[in-house]
Amino acid sequence: MGYAIVWLVNTILSIMTWSIILSAIVSWLFAFDVINRRNRFVNQVADLLDRITAPLLEPFRRIIPPLGGIDISPIVVLLLLNFVRILFNRLTAPFLIQMLG
């Protein structure tokens, strides 16, 4: 059971990390007019990524101002997610595996 919980937490952290990265890439593609929002599929993918990442990014966007028009909140959130993953795997995961097997 402990291994399953550790796997689940790591998978959720990975999905959040990749969602932020994909959201940033899609926003760059929109900004440089490589893809366009009038395409229904592209618009739905962008909307999905925005809905997934907004709860993570919005608190940091309120605190951290854009630097020269560049939003650095995704970088901060990615660093924090990586910190949480390392902290979980070093401290909590061994305890869960030992207690739950």
Protein backbone atom coordinates (compact mmCIF):
# COMPACT_ATOMS: atom_id res chain seq x y z
CA MET A 1 0.00 0.00 0.00
CA GLY A 2 2.85 2.36 0.82
CA TYR A 3 4.43 1.84 -2.58
CA ALA A 4 1.12 2.66 -4.26
CA ILE A 5 0.77 5.92 -2.33
CA VAL A 6 4.35 6.91 -3.14
CA TRP A 7 3.76 6.11 -6.81
CA LEU A 8 0.50 8.10 -6.84
CA VAL A 9 2.06 11.20 -5.26
CA ASN A 10 5.04 11.09 -7.64
CA THR A 11 2.73 10.63 -10.64
CA ILE A 12 0.57 13.59 -9.63
CA LEU A 13 3.67 15.77 -9.19
CA SER A 14 4.93 14.66 -12.61
CA ILE A 15 1.60 15.45 -14.28
CA MET A 16 1.56 18.90 -12.70
CA THR A 17 5.15 19.53 -13.80
CA TRP A 18 4.50 18.48 -17.41
CA SER A 19 1.25 20.46 -17.50
CA ILE A 20 3.10 23.64 -16.53
CA ILE A 21 5.80 23.00 -19.12
CA LEU A 22 3.25 22.29 -21.88
CA SER A 23 1.21 25.34 -20.90
CA ALA A 24 4.31 27.54 -21.19
CA ILE A 25 5.18 26.07 -24.59
CA VAL A 26 1.64 26.56 -25.90
CA SER A 27 1.59 30.17 -24.67
CA TRP A 28 4.89 30.82 -26.48
CA LEU A 29 3.48 29.27 -29.66
CA PHE A 30 0.47 31.59 -29.39
CA ALA A 31 2.69 34.60 -28.69
CA PHE A 32 4.87 33.98 -31.76
CA ASP A 33 1.83 33.18 -33.91
CA VAL A 34 3.00 29.65 -34.71
CA ILE A 35 -0.39 28.22 -33.82
CA ASN A 36 -3.63 30.09 -33.65
CA ARG A 37 -6.51 30.02 -31.18
CA ARG A 38 -9.15 29.81 -33.88
CA ASN A 39 -8.32 26.13 -34.30
CA ARG A 40 -10.87 24.37 -32.10
CA PHE A 41 -8.57 21.52 -30.98
CA VAL A 42 -5.72 23.87 -30.12
CA ASN A 43 -8.10 26.12 -28.21
CA GLN A 44 -9.45 23.16 -26.21
CA VAL A 45 -5.93 21.92 -25.36
CA ALA A 46 -4.88 25.41 -24.27
CA ASP A 47 -8.03 25.77 -22.17
CA LEU A 48 -7.44 22.39 -20.51
CA LEU A 49 -3.84 23.29 -19.69
CA ASP A 50 -4.93 26.67 -18.33
CA ARG A 51 -7.53 25.03 -16.10
CA ILE A 52 -4.99 22.54 -14.76
CA THR A 53 -2.21 25.03 -14.12
CA ALA A 54 -4.17 28.11 -13.01
CA PRO A 55 -4.74 26.98 -9.40
CA LEU A 56 -1.00 26.45 -9.02
CA LEU A 57 0.19 29.57 -10.80
CA GLU A 58 -2.33 32.23 -9.76
CA PRO A 59 -1.13 32.70 -6.16
CA PHE A 60 2.41 33.22 -7.41
CA ARG A 61 1.30 35.53 -10.22
CA ARG A 62 -0.29 37.79 -7.60
CA ILE A 63 2.98 37.95 -5.63
CA ILE A 64 5.63 37.94 -8.37
CA PRO A 65 5.38 40.78 -10.92
CA PRO A 66 6.26 40.06 -14.56
CA LEU A 67 9.88 40.90 -15.30
CA GLY A 68 10.06 42.76 -18.59
CA GLY A 69 6.76 41.24 -19.68
CA ILE A 70 7.93 37.71 -18.88
CA ASP A 71 6.00 35.70 -16.32
CA ILE A 72 8.45 33.79 -14.13
CA SER A 73 5.81 32.21 -11.89
CA PRO A 74 5.96 28.87 -13.80
CA ILE A 75 9.69 28.64 -13.03
CA VAL A 76 9.05 29.29 -9.35
CA VAL A 77 6.25 26.71 -9.24
CA LEU A 78 8.42 24.13 -11.04
CA LEU A 79 11.20 24.67 -8.51
CA LEU A 80 8.74 24.29 -5.63
CA LEU A 81 7.23 21.14 -7.13
CA ASN A 82 10.68 19.64 -7.49
CA PHE A 83 11.46 20.62 -3.88
CA VAL A 84 8.24 18.96 -2.68
CA ARG A 85 9.03 15.81 -4.67
CA ILE A 86 12.52 15.53 -3.18
CA LEU A 87 11.24 16.25 0.33
CA PHE A 88 8.47 13.66 -0.04
CA ASN A 89 10.78 10.98 -1.44
CA ARG A 90 13.46 11.53 1.21
CA LEU A 91 11.32 11.97 4.32
CA THR A 92 7.79 10.71 3.89
CA ALA A 93 8.09 7.89 1.34
CA PRO A 94 10.39 5.66 3.46
CA PHE A 95 8.04 6.08 6.44
CA LEU A 96 4.98 5.19 4.34
CA ILE A 97 6.69 2.15 2.84
CA GLN A 98 7.87 0.97 6.24
CA MET A 99 4.47 1.45 7.90
CA LEU A 100 2.18 0.25 5.09
CA GLY A 101 4.43 -2.07 3.17
